[in-house]
PDB file of all heavy atoms in Angstrom:
ATOM      1  N   THR A   1      13.405   6.378 -78.447  1.00  0.00           N
ATOM      2  CA  THR A   1      13.518   7.425 -77.440  1.00  0.00           C
ATOM      3  C   THR A   1      12.656   7.057 -76.235  1.00  0.00           C
ATOM      4  O   THR A   1      11.759   6.193 -76.332  1.00  0.00           O
ATOM      5  CB  THR A   1      13.059   8.772 -78.006  1.00  0.00           C
ATOM      6  OG1 THR A   1      11.649   8.691 -78.290  1.00  0.00           O
ATOM      7  CG2 THR A   1      13.822   9.133 -79.276  1.00  0.00           C
ATOM      8  N   PRO A   2      12.896   7.682 -75.071  1.00  0.00           N
ATOM      9  CA  PRO A   2      12.044   7.391 -73.910  1.00  0.00           C
ATOM     10  C   PRO A   2      10.554   7.592 -74.192  1.00  0.00           C
ATOM     11  O   PRO A   2       9.726   6.801 -73.723  1.00  0.00           O
ATOM     12  CB  PRO A   2      12.557   8.365 -72.853  1.00  0.00           C
ATOM     13  CG  PRO A   2      13.995   8.595 -73.222  1.00  0.00           C
ATOM     14  CD  PRO A   2      14.020   8.568 -74.714  1.00  0.00           C
ATOM     15  N   ALA A   3      10.223   8.632 -74.951  1.00  0.00           N
ATOM     16  CA  ALA A   3       8.806   8.871 -75.269  1.00  0.00           C
ATOM     17  C   ALA A   3       8.239   7.743 -76.114  1.00  0.00           C
ATOM     18  O   ALA A   3       7.083   7.326 -75.938  1.00  0.00           O
ATOM     19  CB  ALA A   3       8.645  10.207 -75.984  1.00  0.00           C
ATOM     20  N   GLN A   4       9.048   7.233 -77.029  1.00  0.00           N
ATOM     21  CA  GLN A   4       8.574   6.129 -77.874  1.00  0.00           C
ATOM     22  C   GLN A   4       8.417   4.836 -77.079  1.00  0.00           C
ATOM     23  O   GLN A   4       7.479   4.067 -77.305  1.00  0.00           O
ATOM     24  CB  GLN A   4       9.550   5.940 -79.042  1.00  0.00           C
ATOM     25  CG  GLN A   4       9.503   7.081 -80.057  1.00  0.00           C
ATOM     26  CD  GLN A   4      10.620   6.989 -81.078  1.00  0.00           C
ATOM     27  OE1 GLN A   4      11.621   6.291 -80.874  1.00  0.00           O
ATOM     28  NE2 GLN A   4      10.472   7.725 -82.181  1.00  0.00           N
ATOM     29  N   VAL A   5       9.321   4.585 -76.138  1.00  0.00           N
ATOM     30  CA  VAL A   5       9.173   3.415 -75.269  1.00  0.00           C
ATOM     31  C   VAL A   5       7.892   3.532 -74.451  1.00  0.00           C
ATOM     32  O   VAL A   5       7.140   2.556 -74.278  1.00  0.00           O
ATOM     33  CB  VAL A   5      10.398   3.278 -74.347  1.00  0.00           C
ATOM     34  CG1 VAL A   5      10.161   2.169 -73.313  1.00  0.00           C
ATOM     35  CG2 VAL A   5      11.646   2.972 -75.158  1.00  0.00           C
ATOM     36  N   LEU A   6       7.617   4.740 -73.957  1.00  0.00           N
ATOM     37  CA  LEU A   6       6.392   4.975 -73.193  1.00  0.00           C
ATOM     38  C   LEU A   6       5.168   4.723 -74.064  1.00  0.00           C
ATOM     39  O   LEU A   6       4.176   4.127 -73.607  1.00  0.00           O
ATOM     40  CB  LEU A   6       6.381   6.401 -72.647  1.00  0.00           C
ATOM     41  CG  LEU A   6       5.173   6.802 -71.803  1.00  0.00           C
ATOM     42  CD1 LEU A   6       5.095   5.943 -70.547  1.00  0.00           C
ATOM     43  CD2 LEU A   6       5.237   8.275 -71.418  1.00  0.00           C
ATOM     44  N   TRP A   7       5.225   5.130 -75.326  1.00  0.00           N
ATOM     45  CA  TRP A   7       4.109   4.899 -76.244  1.00  0.00           C
ATOM     46  C   TRP A   7       3.864   3.403 -76.456  1.00  0.00           C
ATOM     47  O   TRP A   7       2.725   2.938 -76.413  1.00  0.00           O
ATOM     48  CB  TRP A   7       4.402   5.572 -77.586  1.00  0.00           C
ATOM     49  CG  TRP A   7       3.495   5.119 -78.691  1.00  0.00           C
ATOM     50  CD1 TRP A   7       3.763   4.205 -79.661  1.00  0.00           C
ATOM     51  CD2 TRP A   7       2.146   5.535 -78.907  1.00  0.00           C
ATOM     52  NE1 TRP A   7       2.679   4.026 -80.487  1.00  0.00           N
ATOM     53  CE2 TRP A   7       1.669   4.828 -80.046  1.00  0.00           C
ATOM     54  CE3 TRP A   7       1.294   6.423 -78.273  1.00  0.00           C
ATOM     55  CZ2 TRP A   7       0.392   4.993 -80.543  1.00  0.00           C
ATOM     56  CZ3 TRP A   7       0.015   6.592 -78.777  1.00  0.00           C
ATOM     57  CH2 TRP A   7      -0.436   5.886 -79.885  1.00  0.00           C
ATOM     58  N   VAL A   8       4.941   2.644 -76.659  1.00  0.00           N
ATOM     59  CA  VAL A   8       4.791   1.207 -76.873  1.00  0.00           C
ATOM     60  C   VAL A   8       4.125   0.564 -75.660  1.00  0.00           C
ATOM     61  O   VAL A   8       3.198  -0.246 -75.793  1.00  0.00           O
ATOM     62  CB  VAL A   8       6.161   0.560 -77.160  1.00  0.00           C
ATOM     63  CG1 VAL A   8       6.029  -0.965 -77.174  1.00  0.00           C
ATOM     64  CG2 VAL A   8       6.714   1.048 -78.490  1.00  0.00           C
ATOM     65  N   ASN A   9       4.593   0.911 -74.464  1.00  0.00           N
ATOM     66  CA  ASN A   9       4.003   0.342 -73.254  1.00  0.00           C
ATOM     67  C   ASN A   9       2.545   0.746 -73.095  1.00  0.00           C
ATOM     68  O   ASN A   9       1.698  -0.060 -72.690  1.00  0.00           O
ATOM     69  CB  ASN A   9       4.792   0.785 -72.019  1.00  0.00           C
ATOM     70  CG  ASN A   9       6.088   0.015 -71.861  1.00  0.00           C
ATOM     71  OD1 ASN A   9       6.156  -1.166 -72.174  1.00  0.00           O
ATOM     72  ND2 ASN A   9       7.127   0.678 -71.406  1.00  0.00           N
ATOM     73  N   LEU A  10       2.241   1.997 -73.419  1.00  0.00           N
ATOM     74  CA  LEU A  10       0.866   2.482 -73.284  1.00  0.00           C
ATOM     75  C   LEU A  10      -0.060   1.745 -74.243  1.00  0.00           C
ATOM     76  O   LEU A  10      -1.137   1.270 -73.852  1.00  0.00           O
ATOM     77  CB  LEU A  10       0.820   3.987 -73.550  1.00  0.00           C
ATOM     78  CG  LEU A  10      -0.561   4.646 -73.469  1.00  0.00           C
ATOM     79  CD1 LEU A  10      -1.099   4.574 -72.042  1.00  0.00           C
ATOM     80  CD2 LEU A  10      -0.498   6.104 -73.938  1.00  0.00           C
ATOM     81  N   VAL A  11       0.356   1.580 -75.466  1.00  0.00           N
ATOM     82  CA  VAL A  11      -0.499   0.951 -76.486  1.00  0.00           C
ATOM     83  C   VAL A  11      -0.673  -0.535 -76.206  1.00  0.00           C
ATOM     84  O   VAL A  11      -1.789  -1.070 -76.190  1.00  0.00           O
ATOM     85  CB  VAL A  11       0.092   1.170 -77.888  1.00  0.00           C
ATOM     86  CG1 VAL A  11      -0.635   0.322 -78.917  1.00  0.00           C
ATOM     87  CG2 VAL A  11      -0.005   2.633 -78.265  1.00  0.00           C
ATOM     88  N   THR A  12       0.432  -1.242 -75.962  1.00  0.00           N
ATOM     89  CA  THR A  12       0.339  -2.689 -75.809  1.00  0.00           C
ATOM     90  C   THR A  12      -0.319  -3.083 -74.493  1.00  0.00           C
ATOM     91  O   THR A  12      -1.060  -4.066 -74.435  1.00  0.00           O
ATOM     92  CB  THR A  12       1.734  -3.324 -75.910  1.00  0.00           C
ATOM     93  OG1 THR A  12       2.587  -2.731 -74.919  1.00  0.00           O
ATOM     94  CG2 THR A  12       2.329  -3.084 -77.285  1.00  0.00           C
ATOM     95  N   SER A  13      -0.067  -2.328 -73.414  1.00  0.00           N
ATOM     96  CA  SER A  13      -0.654  -2.687 -72.118  1.00  0.00           C
ATOM     97  C   SER A  13      -2.152  -2.451 -72.096  1.00  0.00           C
ATOM     98  O   SER A  13      -2.909  -3.212 -71.493  1.00  0.00           O
ATOM     99  CB  SER A  13       0.011  -1.879 -70.993  1.00  0.00           C
ATOM    100  OG  SER A  13       1.382  -2.186 -70.898  1.00  0.00           O
ATOM    101  N   SER A  14      -2.613  -1.401 -72.764  1.00  0.00           N
ATOM    102  CA  SER A  14      -4.037  -1.064 -72.709  1.00  0.00           C
ATOM    103  C   SER A  14      -4.862  -1.828 -73.725  1.00  0.00           C
ATOM    104  O   SER A  14      -6.082  -1.911 -73.587  1.00  0.00           O
ATOM    105  CB  SER A  14      -4.221   0.444 -72.938  1.00  0.00           C
ATOM    106  OG  SER A  14      -3.699   0.823 -74.206  1.00  0.00           O
ATOM    107  N   THR A  15      -4.234  -2.397 -74.737  1.00  0.00           N
ATOM    108  CA  THR A  15      -5.027  -3.070 -75.776  1.00  0.00           C
ATOM    109  C   THR A  15      -4.715  -4.562 -75.893  1.00  0.00           C
ATOM    110  O   THR A  15      -5.625  -5.376 -76.040  1.00  0.00           O
ATOM    111  CB  THR A  15      -4.784  -2.413 -77.150  1.00  0.00           C
ATOM    112  OG1 THR A  15      -3.381  -2.473 -77.472  1.00  0.00           O
ATOM    113  CG2 THR A  15      -5.225  -0.957 -77.137  1.00  0.00           C
ATOM    114  N   LEU A  16      -3.444  -4.937 -75.830  1.00  0.00           N
ATOM    115  CA  LEU A  16      -3.083  -6.314 -76.146  1.00  0.00           C
ATOM    116  C   LEU A  16      -3.180  -7.255 -74.946  1.00  0.00           C
ATOM    117  O   LEU A  16      -3.870  -8.271 -74.990  1.00  0.00           O
ATOM    118  CB  LEU A  16      -1.660  -6.363 -76.726  1.00  0.00           C
ATOM    119  CG  LEU A  16      -1.439  -5.613 -78.049  1.00  0.00           C
ATOM    120  CD1 LEU A  16      -0.006  -5.771 -78.507  1.00  0.00           C
ATOM    121  CD2 LEU A  16      -2.395  -6.110 -79.125  1.00  0.00           C
ATOM    122  N   GLY A  17      -2.469  -6.937 -73.855  1.00  0.00           N
ATOM    123  CA  GLY A  17      -2.365  -7.870 -72.744  1.00  0.00           C
ATOM    124  C   GLY A  17      -3.688  -8.244 -72.117  1.00  0.00           C
ATOM    125  O   GLY A  17      -3.890  -9.386 -71.690  1.00  0.00           O
ATOM    126  N   LEU A  18      -4.636  -7.295 -72.065  1.00  0.00           N
ATOM    127  CA  LEU A  18      -5.913  -7.575 -71.405  1.00  0.00           C
ATOM    128  C   LEU A  18      -6.717  -8.640 -72.114  1.00  0.00           C
ATOM    129  O   LEU A  18      -7.569  -9.288 -71.503  1.00  0.00           O
ATOM    130  CB  LEU A  18      -6.735  -6.284 -71.311  1.00  0.00           C
ATOM    131  CG  LEU A  18      -6.170  -5.176 -70.408  1.00  0.00           C
ATOM    132  CD1 LEU A  18      -7.067  -3.945 -70.441  1.00  0.00           C
ATOM    133  CD2 LEU A  18      -6.021  -5.672 -68.975  1.00  0.00           C
ATOM    134  N   ALA A  19      -6.465  -8.850 -73.402  1.00  0.00           N
ATOM    135  CA  ALA A  19      -7.251  -9.827 -74.156  1.00  0.00           C
ATOM    136  C   ALA A  19      -7.059 -11.240 -73.622  1.00  0.00           C
ATOM    137  O   ALA A  19      -7.957 -12.083 -73.731  1.00  0.00           O
ATOM    138  CB  ALA A  19      -6.876  -9.766 -75.634  1.00  0.00           C
ATOM    139  N   LEU A  20      -5.906 -11.529 -73.023  1.00  0.00           N
ATOM    140  CA  LEU A  20      -5.642 -12.888 -72.532  1.00  0.00           C
ATOM    141  C   LEU A  20      -6.498 -13.233 -71.327  1.00  0.00           C
ATOM    142  O   LEU A  20      -6.649 -14.415 -70.991  1.00  0.00           O
ATOM    143  CB  LEU A  20      -4.164 -13.036 -72.180  1.00  0.00           C
ATOM    144  CG  LEU A  20      -3.199 -12.979 -73.371  1.00  0.00           C
ATOM    145  CD1 LEU A  20      -1.764 -13.003 -72.897  1.00  0.00           C
ATOM    146  CD2 LEU A  20      -3.464 -14.135 -74.331  1.00  0.00           C
ATOM    147  N   ALA A  21      -7.058 -12.227 -70.647  1.00  0.00           N
ATOM    148  CA  ALA A  21      -7.941 -12.508 -69.513  1.00  0.00           C
ATOM    149  C   ALA A  21      -9.226 -13.194 -69.958  1.00  0.00           C
ATOM    150  O   ALA A  21      -9.891 -13.851 -69.155  1.00  0.00           O
ATOM    151  CB  ALA A  21      -8.263 -11.215 -68.767  1.00  0.00           C
ATOM    152  N   PHE A  22      -9.579 -13.062 -71.229  1.00  0.00           N
ATOM    153  CA  PHE A  22     -10.827 -13.637 -71.754  1.00  0.00           C
ATOM    154  C   PHE A  22     -10.568 -14.929 -72.528  1.00  0.00           C
ATOM    155  O   PHE A  22     -11.449 -15.412 -73.228  1.00  0.00           O
ATOM    156  CB  PHE A  22     -11.524 -12.628 -72.664  1.00  0.00           C
ATOM    157  CG  PHE A  22     -11.839 -11.327 -71.993  1.00  0.00           C
ATOM    158  CD1 PHE A  22     -10.982 -10.232 -72.137  1.00  0.00           C
ATOM    159  CD2 PHE A  22     -12.969 -11.190 -71.208  1.00  0.00           C
ATOM    160  CE1 PHE A  22     -11.264  -9.033 -71.504  1.00  0.00           C
ATOM    161  CE2 PHE A  22     -13.251  -9.997 -70.573  1.00  0.00           C
ATOM    162  CZ  PHE A  22     -12.398  -8.913 -70.718  1.00  0.00           C
ATOM    163  N   GLU A  23      -9.375 -15.485 -72.389  1.00  0.00           N
ATOM    164  CA  GLU A  23      -9.032 -16.695 -73.129  1.00  0.00           C
ATOM    165  C   GLU A  23      -9.864 -17.875 -72.641  1.00  0.00           C
ATOM    166  O   GLU A  23      -9.923 -18.151 -71.438  1.00  0.00           O
ATOM    167  CB  GLU A  23      -7.547 -16.990 -72.951  1.00  0.00           C
ATOM    168  CG  GLU A  23      -7.013 -18.072 -73.834  1.00  0.00           C
ATOM    169  CD  GLU A  23      -7.044 -17.694 -75.300  1.00  0.00           C
ATOM    170  OE1 GLU A  23      -6.918 -16.492 -75.617  1.00  0.00           O
ATOM    171  OE2 GLU A  23      -7.211 -18.611 -76.124  1.00  0.00           O
ATOM    172  N   PRO A  24     -10.560 -18.591 -73.541  1.00  0.00           N
ATOM    173  CA  PRO A  24     -11.327 -19.767 -73.102  1.00  0.00           C
ATOM    174  C   PRO A  24     -10.402 -20.893 -72.679  1.00  0.00           C
ATOM    175  O   PRO A  24      -9.215 -20.905 -73.006  1.00  0.00           O
ATOM    176  CB  PRO A  24     -12.134 -20.136 -74.358  1.00  0.00           C
ATOM    177  CG  PRO A  24     -11.338 -19.591 -75.502  1.00  0.00           C
ATOM    178  CD  PRO A  24     -10.675 -18.348 -74.986  1.00  0.00           C
ATOM    179  N   ALA A  25     -10.962 -21.864 -71.943  1.00  0.00           N
ATOM    180  CA  ALA A  25     -10.168 -23.000 -71.479  1.00  0.00           C
ATOM    181  C   ALA A  25      -9.630 -23.778 -72.673  1.00  0.00           C
ATOM    182  O   ALA A  25     -10.322 -23.982 -73.672  1.00  0.00           O
ATOM    183  CB  ALA A  25     -11.023 -23.911 -70.598  1.00  0.00           C
ATOM    184  N   GLU A  26      -8.386 -24.218 -72.557  1.00  0.00           N
ATOM    185  CA  GLU A  26      -7.766 -24.975 -73.634  1.00  0.00           C
ATOM    186  C   GLU A  26      -8.362 -26.382 -73.722  1.00  0.00           C
ATOM    187  O   GLU A  26      -8.847 -26.927 -72.728  1.00  0.00           O
ATOM    188  CB  GLU A  26      -6.254 -25.081 -73.413  1.00  0.00           C
ATOM    189  CG  GLU A  26      -5.529 -23.767 -73.611  1.00  0.00           C
ATOM    190  CD  GLU A  26      -4.015 -23.950 -73.629  1.00  0.00           C
ATOM    191  OE1 GLU A  26      -3.565 -25.077 -73.940  1.00  0.00           O
ATOM    192  OE2 GLU A  26      -3.301 -22.995 -73.329  1.00  0.00           O
ATOM    193  N   ARG A  27      -8.297 -26.945 -74.904  1.00  0.00           N
ATOM    194  CA  ARG A  27      -8.744 -28.320 -75.105  1.00  0.00           C
ATOM    195  C   ARG A  27      -7.900 -29.266 -74.259  1.00  0.00           C
ATOM    196  O   ARG A  27      -6.675 -29.143 -74.185  1.00  0.00           O
ATOM    197  CB  ARG A  27      -8.602 -28.671 -76.587  1.00  0.00           C
ATOM    198  CG  ARG A  27      -9.111 -30.045 -76.962  1.00  0.00           C
ATOM    199  CD  ARG A  27      -8.796 -30.314 -78.418  1.00  0.00           C
ATOM    200  NE  ARG A  27      -9.304 -29.247 -79.278  1.00  0.00           N
ATOM    201  CZ  ARG A  27      -8.935 -29.103 -80.547  1.00  0.00           C
ATOM    202  NH1 ARG A  27      -8.056 -29.914 -81.084  1.00  0.00           N
ATOM    203  NH2 ARG A  27      -9.435 -28.115 -81.278  1.00  0.00           N
ATOM    204  N   GLY A  28      -8.563 -30.192 -73.563  1.00  0.00           N
ATOM    205  CA  GLY A  28      -7.841 -31.156 -72.752  1.00  0.00           C
ATOM    206  C   GLY A  28      -7.421 -30.638 -71.391  1.00  0.00           C
ATOM    207  O   GLY A  28      -6.625 -31.274 -70.707  1.00  0.00           O
ATOM    208  N   ILE A  29      -7.976 -29.492 -70.975  1.00  0.00           N
ATOM    209  CA  ILE A  29      -7.548 -28.922 -69.689  1.00  0.00           C
ATOM    210  C   ILE A  29      -7.939 -29.823 -68.521  1.00  0.00           C
ATOM    211  O   ILE A  29      -7.281 -29.828 -67.474  1.00  0.00           O
ATOM    212  CB  ILE A  29      -8.152 -27.503 -69.512  1.00  0.00           C
ATOM    213  CG1 ILE A  29      -7.421 -26.756 -68.382  1.00  0.00           C
ATOM    214  CG2 ILE A  29      -9.645 -27.559 -69.249  1.00  0.00           C
ATOM    215  CD1 ILE A  29      -7.793 -25.292 -68.290  1.00  0.00           C
ATOM    216  N   MET A  30      -9.012 -30.630 -68.691  1.00  0.00           N
ATOM    217  CA  MET A  30      -9.452 -31.521 -67.620  1.00  0.00           C
ATOM    218  C   MET A  30      -8.888 -32.935 -67.761  1.00  0.00           C
ATOM    219  O   MET A  30      -9.378 -33.868 -67.127  1.00  0.00           O
ATOM    220  CB  MET A  30     -10.973 -31.564 -67.561  1.00  0.00           C
ATOM    221  CG  MET A  30     -11.602 -30.290 -67.033  1.00  0.00           C
ATOM    222  SD  MET A  30     -11.131 -29.895 -65.336  1.00  0.00           S
ATOM    223  CE  MET A  30     -12.189 -31.039 -64.426  1.00  0.00           C
ATOM    224  N   THR A  31      -7.876 -33.092 -68.583  1.00  0.00           N
ATOM    225  CA  THR A  31      -7.165 -34.373 -68.640  1.00  0.00           C
ATOM    226  C   THR A  31      -5.746 -34.233 -68.104  1.00  0.00           C
ATOM    227  O   THR A  31      -4.987 -35.202 -68.106  1.00  0.00           O
ATOM    228  CB  THR A  31      -7.107 -34.913 -70.080  1.00  0.00           C
ATOM    229  OG1 THR A  31      -6.429 -33.967 -70.918  1.00  0.00           O
ATOM    230  CG2 THR A  31      -8.508 -35.161 -70.616  1.00  0.00           C
ATOM    231  N   ARG A  32      -5.393 -33.043 -67.655  1.00  0.00           N
ATOM    232  CA  ARG A  32      -4.070 -32.842 -67.073  1.00  0.00           C
ATOM    233  C   ARG A  32      -4.050 -33.343 -65.634  1.00  0.00           C
ATOM    234  O   ARG A  32      -5.056 -33.290 -64.941  1.00  0.00           O
ATOM    235  CB  ARG A  32      -3.697 -31.358 -67.066  1.00  0.00           C
ATOM    236  CG  ARG A  32      -3.714 -30.673 -68.407  1.00  0.00           C
ATOM    237  CD  ARG A  32      -3.422 -29.199 -68.209  1.00  0.00           C
ATOM    238  NE  ARG A  32      -3.607 -28.425 -69.429  1.00  0.00           N
ATOM    239  CZ  ARG A  32      -3.585 -27.105 -69.464  1.00  0.00           C
ATOM    240  NH1 ARG A  32      -3.375 -26.418 -68.351  1.00  0.00           N
ATOM    241  NH2 ARG A  32      -3.770 -26.462 -70.597  1.00  0.00           N
ATOM    242  N   PRO A  33      -2.901 -33.794 -65.171  1.00  0.00           N
ATOM    243  CA  PRO A  33      -2.803 -34.129 -63.746  1.00  0.00           C
ATOM    244  C   PRO A  33      -2.833 -32.859 -62.904  1.00  0.00           C
ATOM    245  O   PRO A  33      -2.499 -31.767 -63.399  1.00  0.00           O
ATOM    246  CB  PRO A  33      -1.440 -34.835 -63.646  1.00  0.00           C
ATOM    247  CG  PRO A  33      -0.654 -34.304 -64.805  1.00  0.00           C
ATOM    248  CD  PRO A  33      -1.656 -34.059 -65.905  1.00  0.00           C
ATOM    249  N   PRO A  34      -3.242 -32.943 -61.650  1.00  0.00           N
ATOM    250  CA  PRO A  34      -3.270 -31.746 -60.804  1.00  0.00           C
ATOM    251  C   PRO A  34      -1.873 -31.142 -60.657  1.00  0.00           C
ATOM    252  O   PRO A  34      -0.858 -31.847 -60.676  1.00  0.00           O
ATOM    253  CB  PRO A  34      -3.784 -32.280 -59.464  1.00  0.00           C
ATOM    254  CG  PRO A  34      -4.504 -33.531 -59.792  1.00  0.00           C
ATOM    255  CD  PRO A  34      -3.791 -34.123 -60.960  1.00  0.00           C
TER     256      PRO A  34
END
């Protein structure tokens, strides 16, 4: 239902997506070409 879709967006946007902002640099990030 629309309310359930709103709930999914509210829960995942406020808890899940923000965690990727704190992701450490990947291994080998300074061996990639520019």
